[in-house]
Amino acid sequence: MKEQRFQYKDIELNVMEGPKHGLPILLLHGATKNWQVFKPIIEELVHYLYVLAIDFRGHGKSKHVPGAYKLQDYLLDTHCFIKEYIKEPSIILGHSLGGMIGLMTAAHYPKLVRALIMLDAPLTTAALKRLITEQGEFANHLIQWLKVSRLLNISSFNNIHIPESLAQCDPDMLHAMINDFEATFHQYSIDELFPKIKCPLLIIRGNPKIGSLVEDHEVMQVKALLSDFTDIKLPYAGHSPINHDKRAVLKAINVFLRQYFKI
C-alpha cells in the first residue's frame, strides 16, 4: 500500500492505493477521520480487491478548502477521483459521512458505481442533528482549539489527548457541520436519493442503543423507496462496526460482493 496525491483544479487529496488486482473499491471515511480508520479491514480486502481510499478535503493529509465543505463539495471530489484516477466504475464502501457521499455518488453518477456499501451511514439527517445538539458546545470549543493548536503546537485539549485524525481537521470544516448544518447537509434527502439507486446496495448498521446513527424505522423508510437491497444489523456494534465487530463486517462484505461479482 502506498500514499500519494490526487490533484484537480485547486483541490489536492491524499490517496491510499493498494495493489492493482481485482475490482476497484473506494473507501470513504467519516467526518473528523481519515483513510486509516479502514486499516483493520484493508489488510483482508487487498487479497481480492483493488483497494483505494482518500482523505476527504479538510481531513487527514488532504488540502484544506475553507468555505467549501458542503456535501456537494465532497461529492464533486469523489466523482472526479473515480472518473480521473480510477477511470472505471467502482465499488464504494463508506462509513458515516462517507456512506452519505457514496449514496449521493451512486444516485447522481450511477455509471460510476458498481455497488454501494453503507457502513452505519445516517439515512436521514435527524440522528446527525441530535448528535450535534448534544456535542455542539464541546465541538465549538474544539474548533477554537484547532485554530490555535497549529500556532502553539499543542496536542491536548482540556487535558484530553486529541487523536491525530481530529487534529488534522480544518476547523472551518467542523464549523460548517456544527454551525451551518442546514446549508451543509440540505442536499441529503432519502426520498430523492434512494429511488435513483440502480446498483447493488448493502447497509451494515449497528445498534442505536450503543451508538448507531441508523434507526429501524429509517430502514423501513428506505424499504418503501427501494425494494431490493441487503440490510444487516449488528447487535453488538455501535457507530463504528469495524472496531466493534470486524469479523462480521468483513463477512457481510464478502458474501455481498460474491453474490454479484466474480471475486
C-alpha atoms as a PDB file:
ATOM      1  CA  MET A   1       0.000   0.000   0.000  1.00  0.00           C
ATOM      2  CA  LYS A   2       1.243   3.486  -0.793  1.00  0.00           C
ATOM      3  CA  GLU A   3       0.138   7.067  -0.199  1.00  0.00           C
ATOM      4  CA  GLN A   4       0.149   9.622  -2.979  1.00  0.00           C
ATOM      5  CA  ARG A   5      -1.618  12.767  -4.159  1.00  0.00           C
ATOM      6  CA  PHE A   6      -4.549  13.385  -6.492  1.00  0.00           C
ATOM      7  CA  GLN A   7      -4.982  16.902  -7.850  1.00  0.00           C
ATOM      8  CA  TYR A   8      -7.697  18.546  -9.902  1.00  0.00           C
ATOM      9  CA  LYS A   9      -8.163  22.298 -10.226  1.00  0.00           C
ATOM     10  CA  ASP A  10      -7.150  23.702  -6.821  1.00  0.00           C
ATOM     11  CA  ILE A  11      -8.097  20.565  -4.871  1.00  0.00           C
ATOM     12  CA  GLU A  12      -5.463  18.159  -3.570  1.00  0.00           C
ATOM     13  CA  LEU A  13      -6.439  14.870  -1.926  1.00  0.00           C
ATOM     14  CA  ASN A  14      -4.339  12.346  -0.052  1.00  0.00           C
ATOM     15  CA  VAL A  15      -4.771   8.863  -1.529  1.00  0.00           C
ATOM     16  CA  MET A  16      -4.014   5.373  -0.243  1.00  0.00           C
ATOM     17  CA  GLU A  17      -3.670   2.805  -3.011  1.00  0.00           C
ATOM     18  CA  GLY A  18      -3.253  -0.938  -2.778  1.00  0.00           C
ATOM     19  CA  PRO A  19      -2.052  -3.455  -5.386  1.00  0.00           C
ATOM     20  CA  LYS A  20      -3.904  -3.306  -8.707  1.00  0.00           C
ATOM     21  CA  HIS A  21      -5.774  -6.578  -8.811  1.00  0.00           C
ATOM     22  CA  GLY A  22      -9.482  -7.283  -8.712  1.00  0.00           C
ATOM     23  CA  LEU A  23     -12.343  -4.831  -8.932  1.00  0.00           C
ATOM     24  CA  PRO A  24     -11.676  -1.337  -7.548  1.00  0.00           C
ATOM     25  CA  ILE A  25     -13.235  -0.489  -4.190  1.00  0.00           C
ATOM     26  CA  LEU A  26     -13.116   3.081  -2.893  1.00  0.00           C
ATOM     27  CA  LEU A  27     -13.211   3.553   0.881  1.00  0.00           C
ATOM     28  CA  LEU A  28     -14.724   6.808   2.162  1.00  0.00           C
ATOM     29  CA  HIS A  29     -14.261   7.684   5.835  1.00  0.00           C
ATOM     30  CA  GLY A  30     -16.494   9.572   8.245  1.00  0.00           C
ATOM     31  CA  ALA A  31     -16.298  13.158   9.494  1.00  0.00           C
ATOM     32  CA  THR A  32     -13.154  14.036  11.503  1.00  0.00           C
ATOM     33  CA  LYS A  33     -11.496  10.753  10.466  1.00  0.00           C
ATOM     34  CA  ASN A  34      -9.014   9.784   7.733  1.00  0.00           C
ATOM     35  CA  TRP A  35      -8.432   6.776   5.482  1.00  0.00           C
ATOM     36  CA  GLN A  36      -6.564   4.960   8.241  1.00  0.00           C
ATOM     37  CA  VAL A  37      -9.846   4.210  10.015  1.00  0.00           C
ATOM     38  CA  PHE A  38     -10.175   1.373   7.472  1.00  0.00           C
ATOM     39  CA  LYS A  39      -6.812  -0.233   8.292  1.00  0.00           C
ATOM     40  CA  PRO A  40      -8.395  -3.141  10.234  1.00  0.00           C
ATOM     41  CA  ILE A  41     -10.231  -4.339   7.103  1.00  0.00           C
ATOM     42  CA  ILE A  42      -7.889  -3.184   4.331  1.00  0.00           C
ATOM     43  CA  GLU A  43      -5.425  -5.958   5.113  1.00  0.00           C
ATOM     44  CA  GLU A  44      -8.059  -8.526   4.120  1.00  0.00           C
ATOM     45  CA  LEU A  45      -9.769  -6.629   1.302  1.00  0.00           C
ATOM     46  CA  VAL A  46      -6.486  -6.235  -0.616  1.00  0.00           C
ATOM     47  CA  HIS A  47      -6.360 -10.005  -1.146  1.00  0.00           C
ATOM     48  CA  TYR A  48      -9.214  -9.884  -3.645  1.00  0.00           C
ATOM     49  CA  LEU A  49      -9.913  -6.214  -4.447  1.00  0.00           C
ATOM     50  CA  TYR A  50      -8.050  -3.183  -5.791  1.00  0.00           C
ATOM     51  CA  VAL A  51      -8.367  -1.035  -2.663  1.00  0.00           C
ATOM     52  CA  LEU A  52      -8.212   2.747  -2.746  1.00  0.00           C
ATOM     53  CA  ALA A  53      -9.067   5.284  -0.063  1.00  0.00           C
ATOM     54  CA  ILE A  54      -8.993   9.060   0.091  1.00  0.00           C
ATOM     55  CA  ASP A  55      -8.851  11.616   2.843  1.00  0.00           C
ATOM     56  CA  PHE A  56     -11.763  13.964   2.234  1.00  0.00           C
ATOM     57  CA  ARG A  57     -10.936  17.651   1.752  1.00  0.00           C
ATOM     58  CA  GLY A  58     -10.231  19.269   5.116  1.00  0.00           C
ATOM     59  CA  HIS A  59      -9.366  15.867   6.623  1.00  0.00           C
ATOM     60  CA  GLY A  60      -6.194  13.855   7.088  1.00  0.00           C
ATOM     61  CA  LYS A  61      -3.400  14.934   4.778  1.00  0.00           C
ATOM     62  CA  SER A  62      -5.703  16.425   2.145  1.00  0.00           C
ATOM     63  CA  LYS A  63      -5.754  20.137   1.394  1.00  0.00           C
ATOM     64  CA  HIS A  64      -7.935  22.449   3.462  1.00  0.00           C
ATOM     65  CA  VAL A  65     -10.521  24.337   1.413  1.00  0.00           C
ATOM     66  CA  PRO A  66     -12.123  26.949   3.705  1.00  0.00           C
ATOM     67  CA  GLY A  67     -15.683  27.818   2.774  1.00  0.00           C
ATOM     68  CA  ALA A  68     -16.216  24.697   0.646  1.00  0.00           C
ATOM     69  CA  TYR A  69     -17.435  21.925   2.935  1.00  0.00           C
ATOM     70  CA  LYS A  70     -20.955  21.179   1.773  1.00  0.00           C
ATOM     71  CA  LEU A  71     -21.919  17.613   0.859  1.00  0.00           C
ATOM     72  CA  GLN A  72     -21.891  18.711  -2.776  1.00  0.00           C
ATOM     73  CA  ASP A  73     -18.179  19.553  -2.435  1.00  0.00           C
ATOM     74  CA  TYR A  74     -17.293  16.078  -1.135  1.00  0.00           C
ATOM     75  CA  LEU A  75     -19.451  14.603  -3.897  1.00  0.00           C
ATOM     76  CA  LEU A  76     -17.533  16.549  -6.535  1.00  0.00           C
ATOM     77  CA  ASP A  77     -14.198  15.279  -5.186  1.00  0.00           C
ATOM     78  CA  THR A  78     -15.430  11.686  -5.178  1.00  0.00           C
ATOM     79  CA  HIS A  79     -16.833  11.933  -8.690  1.00  0.00           C
ATOM     80  CA  CYS A  80     -13.612  13.428 -10.051  1.00  0.00           C
ATOM     81  CA  PHE A  81     -11.440  10.868  -8.267  1.00  0.00           C
ATOM     82  CA  ILE A  82     -13.330   7.897  -9.707  1.00  0.00           C
ATOM     83  CA  LYS A  83     -13.533   9.411 -13.182  1.00  0.00           C
ATOM     84  CA  GLU A  84      -9.980  10.754 -13.472  1.00  0.00           C
ATOM     85  CA  TYR A  85      -7.912   8.492 -11.205  1.00  0.00           C
ATOM     86  CA  ILE A  86      -9.610   5.093 -11.020  1.00  0.00           C
ATOM     87  CA  LYS A  87     -11.067   5.506 -14.526  1.00  0.00           C
ATOM     88  CA  GLU A  88     -13.618   2.718 -14.209  1.00  0.00           C
ATOM     89  CA  PRO A  89     -16.818   2.020 -12.265  1.00  0.00           C
ATOM     90  CA  SER A  90     -16.019   1.225  -8.649  1.00  0.00           C
ATOM     91  CA  ILE A  91     -17.492  -0.331  -5.561  1.00  0.00           C
ATOM     92  CA  ILE A  92     -17.908   2.302  -2.836  1.00  0.00           C
ATOM     93  CA  LEU A  93     -17.686   1.447   0.848  1.00  0.00           C
ATOM     94  CA  GLY A  94     -18.466   4.458   3.011  1.00  0.00           C
ATOM     95  CA  HIS A  95     -18.650   4.856   6.777  1.00  0.00           C
ATOM     96  CA  SER A  96     -20.920   7.564   8.221  1.00  0.00           C
ATOM     97  CA  LEU A  97     -20.285  10.727   6.145  1.00  0.00           C
ATOM     98  CA  GLY A  98     -18.512   8.516   3.608  1.00  0.00           C
ATOM     99  CA  GLY A  99     -21.641   6.410   3.212  1.00  0.00           C
ATOM    100  CA  MET A 100     -23.721   9.532   2.671  1.00  0.00           C
ATOM    101  CA  ILE A 101     -21.355  10.674  -0.075  1.00  0.00           C
ATOM    102  CA  GLY A 102     -21.358   7.160  -1.518  1.00  0.00           C
ATOM    103  CA  LEU A 103     -25.154   7.248  -1.705  1.00  0.00           C
ATOM    104  CA  MET A 104     -25.105  10.629  -3.427  1.00  0.00           C
ATOM    105  CA  THR A 105     -22.467   9.413  -5.894  1.00  0.00           C
ATOM    106  CA  ALA A 106     -24.472   6.296  -6.768  1.00  0.00           C
ATOM    107  CA  ALA A 107     -27.629   8.374  -7.201  1.00  0.00           C
ATOM    108  CA  HIS A 108     -26.146  11.171  -9.304  1.00  0.00           C
ATOM    109  CA  TYR A 109     -23.480   9.202 -11.205  1.00  0.00           C
ATOM    110  CA  PRO A 110     -24.875   5.658 -11.475  1.00  0.00           C
ATOM    111  CA  LYS A 111     -22.492   4.636 -14.265  1.00  0.00           C
ATOM    112  CA  LEU A 112     -19.520   5.161 -11.935  1.00  0.00           C
ATOM    113  CA  VAL A 113     -20.701   2.918  -9.080  1.00  0.00           C
ATOM    114  CA  ARG A 114     -20.760  -0.897  -9.376  1.00  0.00           C
ATOM    115  CA  ALA A 115     -22.075  -1.435  -5.844  1.00  0.00           C
ATOM    116  CA  LEU A 116     -22.576   0.586  -2.671  1.00  0.00           C
ATOM    117  CA  ILE A 117     -21.870  -0.472   0.911  1.00  0.00           C
ATOM    118  CA  MET A 118     -23.106   1.956   3.584  1.00  0.00           C
ATOM    119  CA  LEU A 119     -21.468   1.335   6.951  1.00  0.00           C
ATOM    120  CA  ASP A 120     -23.593   2.877   9.715  1.00  0.00           C
ATOM    121  CA  ALA A 121     -24.188   5.876   7.469  1.00  0.00           C
ATOM    122  CA  PRO A 122     -27.109   8.095   8.526  1.00  0.00           C
ATOM    123  CA  LEU A 123     -30.151   7.501   6.351  1.00  0.00           C
ATOM    124  CA  THR A 124     -31.674  10.820   7.412  1.00  0.00           C
ATOM    125  CA  THR A 125     -30.176  13.922   8.995  1.00  0.00           C
ATOM    126  CA  ALA A 126     -32.243  13.521  12.186  1.00  0.00           C
ATOM    127  CA  ALA A 127     -29.600  11.490  14.036  1.00  0.00           C
ATOM    128  CA  LEU A 128     -26.897  13.936  12.972  1.00  0.00           C
ATOM    129  CA  LYS A 129     -28.931  16.846  14.315  1.00  0.00           C
ATOM    130  CA  ARG A 130     -29.332  15.096  17.669  1.00  0.00           C
ATOM    131  CA  LEU A 131     -25.619  14.369  17.867  1.00  0.00           C
ATOM    132  CA  ILE A 132     -24.671  17.935  17.015  1.00  0.00           C
ATOM    133  CA  THR A 133     -27.146  19.321  19.556  1.00  0.00           C
ATOM    134  CA  GLU A 134     -25.583  17.123  22.232  1.00  0.00           C
ATOM    135  CA  GLN A 135     -21.971  17.835  21.268  1.00  0.00           C
ATOM    136  CA  GLY A 136     -22.295  21.365  19.913  1.00  0.00           C
ATOM    137  CA  GLU A 137     -20.750  23.251  22.835  1.00  0.00           C
ATOM    138  CA  PHE A 138     -17.783  20.894  23.083  1.00  0.00           C
ATOM    139  CA  ALA A 139     -17.341  20.980  19.301  1.00  0.00           C
ATOM    140  CA  ASN A 140     -17.203  24.776  19.231  1.00  0.00           C
ATOM    141  CA  HIS A 141     -14.526  24.769  21.936  1.00  0.00           C
ATOM    142  CA  LEU A 142     -12.672  22.215  19.834  1.00  0.00           C
ATOM    143  CA  ILE A 143     -12.930  24.438  16.761  1.00  0.00           C
ATOM    144  CA  GLN A 144     -11.209  27.238  18.661  1.00  0.00           C
ATOM    145  CA  TRP A 145      -8.560  24.794  19.877  1.00  0.00           C
ATOM    146  CA  LEU A 146      -7.862  23.656  16.316  1.00  0.00           C
ATOM    147  CA  LYS A 147      -7.369  27.263  15.248  1.00  0.00           C
ATOM    148  CA  VAL A 148      -4.694  27.929  17.879  1.00  0.00           C
ATOM    149  CA  SER A 149      -3.109  24.464  18.077  1.00  0.00           C
ATOM    150  CA  ARG A 150      -1.228  24.954  14.823  1.00  0.00           C
ATOM    151  CA  LEU A 151       0.301  28.138  16.194  1.00  0.00           C
ATOM    152  CA  LEU A 152       1.166  26.772  19.629  1.00  0.00           C
ATOM    153  CA  ASN A 153       1.978  23.182  18.584  1.00  0.00           C
ATOM    154  CA  ILE A 154      -0.126  21.578  21.323  1.00  0.00           C
ATOM    155  CA  SER A 155      -1.742  18.139  21.158  1.00  0.00           C
ATOM    156  CA  SER A 156      -4.193  18.082  24.065  1.00  0.00           C
ATOM    157  CA  PHE A 157      -7.487  19.825  24.791  1.00  0.00           C
ATOM    158  CA  ASN A 158      -8.717  20.210  28.400  1.00  0.00           C
ATOM    159  CA  ASN A 159      -6.064  17.615  29.327  1.00  0.00           C
ATOM    160  CA  ILE A 160      -7.554  15.204  26.774  1.00  0.00           C
ATOM    161  CA  HIS A 161      -5.215  13.902  24.078  1.00  0.00           C
ATOM    162  CA  ILE A 162      -6.617  14.719  20.656  1.00  0.00           C
ATOM    163  CA  PRO A 163      -6.419  11.887  18.086  1.00  0.00           C
ATOM    164  CA  GLU A 164      -4.245  12.672  15.083  1.00  0.00           C
ATOM    165  CA  SER A 165      -7.183  12.417  12.670  1.00  0.00           C
ATOM    166  CA  LEU A 166      -9.066  15.090  14.609  1.00  0.00           C
ATOM    167  CA  ALA A 167      -6.029  17.328  14.992  1.00  0.00           C
ATOM    168  CA  GLN A 168      -5.587  17.222  11.199  1.00  0.00           C
ATOM    169  CA  CYS A 169      -9.074  18.609  10.543  1.00  0.00           C
ATOM    170  CA  ASP A 170      -9.712  22.057   9.160  1.00  0.00           C
ATOM    171  CA  PRO A 171     -11.655  23.950  11.868  1.00  0.00           C
ATOM    172  CA  ASP A 172     -13.708  25.538   9.081  1.00  0.00           C
ATOM    173  CA  MET A 173     -14.928  22.056   8.120  1.00  0.00           C
ATOM    174  CA  LEU A 174     -16.149  21.437  11.670  1.00  0.00           C
ATOM    175  CA  HIS A 175     -17.725  24.890  11.769  1.00  0.00           C
ATOM    176  CA  ALA A 176     -19.699  24.088   8.604  1.00  0.00           C
ATOM    177  CA  MET A 177     -21.051  20.865  10.100  1.00  0.00           C
ATOM    178  CA  ILE A 178     -21.840  22.264  13.540  1.00  0.00           C
ATOM    179  CA  ASN A 179     -22.885  25.853  12.926  1.00  0.00           C
ATOM    180  CA  ASP A 180     -24.074  25.791   9.313  1.00  0.00           C
ATOM    181  CA  PHE A 181     -25.883  22.452   9.397  1.00  0.00           C
ATOM    182  CA  GLU A 182     -28.760  23.167   7.026  1.00  0.00           C
ATOM    183  CA  ALA A 183     -26.559  24.605   4.280  1.00  0.00           C
ATOM    184  CA  THR A 184     -24.036  21.774   4.652  1.00  0.00           C
ATOM    185  CA  PHE A 185     -26.480  18.854   4.613  1.00  0.00           C
ATOM    186  CA  HIS A 186     -29.555  20.171   2.794  1.00  0.00           C
ATOM    187  CA  GLN A 187     -28.909  18.088  -0.336  1.00  0.00           C
ATOM    188  CA  TYR A 188     -29.213  14.820   1.596  1.00  0.00           C
ATOM    189  CA  SER A 189     -32.736  13.515   1.105  1.00  0.00           C
ATOM    190  CA  ILE A 190     -33.505   9.806   1.080  1.00  0.00           C
ATOM    191  CA  ASP A 191     -36.790  10.488  -0.721  1.00  0.00           C
ATOM    192  CA  GLU A 192     -34.794  11.860  -3.638  1.00  0.00           C
ATOM    193  CA  LEU A 193     -31.665   9.694  -3.484  1.00  0.00           C
ATOM    194  CA  PHE A 194     -32.740   6.098  -2.862  1.00  0.00           C
ATOM    195  CA  PRO A 195     -35.200   5.833  -5.791  1.00  0.00           C
ATOM    196  CA  LYS A 196     -32.265   6.659  -8.098  1.00  0.00           C
ATOM    197  CA  ILE A 197     -30.086   3.774  -6.887  1.00  0.00           C
ATOM    198  CA  LYS A 198     -29.531   1.198  -9.648  1.00  0.00           C
ATOM    199  CA  CYS A 199     -26.547  -0.715  -8.240  1.00  0.00           C
ATOM    200  CA  PRO A 200     -26.497  -3.458  -5.573  1.00  0.00           C
ATOM    201  CA  LEU A 201     -26.759  -1.920  -2.089  1.00  0.00           C
ATOM    202  CA  LEU A 202     -25.653  -3.269   1.287  1.00  0.00           C
ATOM    203  CA  ILE A 203     -26.483  -1.439   4.513  1.00  0.00           C
ATOM    204  CA  ILE A 204     -24.443  -2.567   7.528  1.00  0.00           C
ATOM    205  CA  ARG A 205     -25.568  -0.885  10.726  1.00  0.00           C
ATOM    206  CA  GLY A 206     -25.059  -1.094  14.438  1.00  0.00           C
ATOM    207  CA  ASN A 207     -27.395  -0.954  17.408  1.00  0.00           C
ATOM    208  CA  PRO A 208     -28.843   2.511  18.201  1.00  0.00           C
ATOM    209  CA  LYS A 209     -28.777   1.622  21.903  1.00  0.00           C
ATOM    210  CA  ILE A 210     -24.973   1.632  21.792  1.00  0.00           C
ATOM    211  CA  GLY A 211     -24.335   4.473  19.375  1.00  0.00           C
ATOM    212  CA  SER A 212     -25.531   3.573  15.880  1.00  0.00           C
ATOM    213  CA  LEU A 213     -26.858   6.518  13.876  1.00  0.00           C
ATOM    214  CA  VAL A 214     -29.319   4.318  11.969  1.00  0.00           C
ATOM    215  CA  GLU A 215     -32.794   3.636  13.366  1.00  0.00           C
ATOM    216  CA  ASP A 216     -35.038   0.703  12.417  1.00  0.00           C
ATOM    217  CA  HIS A 217     -37.851   2.991  11.272  1.00  0.00           C
ATOM    218  CA  GLU A 218     -35.439   4.762   8.904  1.00  0.00           C
ATOM    219  CA  VAL A 219     -34.559   1.445   7.279  1.00  0.00           C
ATOM    220  CA  MET A 220     -38.285   0.855   6.821  1.00  0.00           C
ATOM    221  CA  GLN A 221     -38.488   4.224   5.062  1.00  0.00           C
ATOM    222  CA  VAL A 222     -35.766   3.081   2.676  1.00  0.00           C
ATOM    223  CA  LYS A 223     -37.608  -0.195   2.021  1.00  0.00           C
ATOM    224  CA  ALA A 224     -40.610   1.819   0.884  1.00  0.00           C
ATOM    225  CA  LEU A 225     -38.388   3.614  -1.636  1.00  0.00           C
ATOM    226  CA  LEU A 226     -36.085   0.801  -2.762  1.00  0.00           C
ATOM    227  CA  SER A 227     -37.278  -2.780  -2.599  1.00  0.00           C
ATOM    228  CA  ASP A 228     -34.069  -4.635  -3.428  1.00  0.00           C
ATOM    229  CA  PHE A 229     -31.181  -4.134  -1.005  1.00  0.00           C
ATOM    230  CA  THR A 230     -29.428  -6.060   1.757  1.00  0.00           C
ATOM    231  CA  ASP A 231     -29.770  -4.878   5.355  1.00  0.00           C
ATOM    232  CA  ILE A 232     -27.551  -6.288   8.111  1.00  0.00           C
ATOM    233  CA  LYS A 233     -27.869  -5.146  11.713  1.00  0.00           C
ATOM    234  CA  LEU A 234     -25.011  -5.967  14.091  1.00  0.00           C
ATOM    235  CA  PRO A 235     -26.456  -6.085  17.634  1.00  0.00           C
ATOM    236  CA  TYR A 236     -23.111  -5.676  19.393  1.00  0.00           C
ATOM    237  CA  ALA A 237     -21.776  -2.815  17.284  1.00  0.00           C
ATOM    238  CA  GLY A 238     -22.368   0.915  17.638  1.00  0.00           C
ATOM    239  CA  HIS A 239     -21.444   3.645  15.169  1.00  0.00           C
ATOM    240  CA  SER A 240     -18.034   2.070  14.420  1.00  0.00           C
ATOM    241  CA  PRO A 241     -18.793  -1.509  13.322  1.00  0.00           C
ATOM    242  CA  ILE A 242     -15.231  -2.031  12.066  1.00  0.00           C
ATOM    243  CA  ASN A 243     -13.934  -1.550  15.607  1.00  0.00           C
ATOM    244  CA  HIS A 244     -16.769  -3.346  17.368  1.00  0.00           C
ATOM    245  CA  ASP A 245     -17.324  -6.401  15.123  1.00  0.00           C
ATOM    246  CA  LYS A 246     -14.699  -6.510  12.374  1.00  0.00           C
ATOM    247  CA  ARG A 247     -15.248 -10.183  11.518  1.00  0.00           C
ATOM    248  CA  ALA A 248     -18.976  -9.679  10.966  1.00  0.00           C
ATOM    249  CA  VAL A 249     -18.313  -6.641   8.761  1.00  0.00           C
ATOM    250  CA  LEU A 250     -15.786  -8.493   6.609  1.00  0.00           C
ATOM    251  CA  LYS A 251     -18.086 -11.493   6.262  1.00  0.00           C
ATOM    252  CA  ALA A 252     -21.024  -9.300   5.232  1.00  0.00           C
ATOM    253  CA  ILE A 253     -18.905  -7.509   2.614  1.00  0.00           C
ATOM    254  CA  ASN A 254     -17.516 -10.751   1.198  1.00  0.00           C
ATOM    255  CA  VAL A 255     -20.887 -12.516   0.976  1.00  0.00           C
ATOM    256  CA  PHE A 256     -22.499  -9.451  -0.596  1.00  0.00           C
ATOM    257  CA  LEU A 257     -19.818  -8.973  -3.256  1.00  0.00           C
ATOM    258  CA  ARG A 258     -19.693 -12.666  -4.167  1.00  0.00           C
ATOM    259  CA  GLN A 259     -23.422 -12.501  -4.759  1.00  0.00           C
ATOM    260  CA  TYR A 260     -22.918 -10.012  -7.600  1.00  0.00           C
ATOM    261  CA  PHE A 261     -19.314 -10.310  -8.806  1.00  0.00           C
ATOM    262  CA  LYS A 262     -16.726 -12.968  -9.599  1.00  0.00           C
ATOM    263  CA  ILE A 263     -14.147 -12.347  -6.881  1.00  0.00           C
END
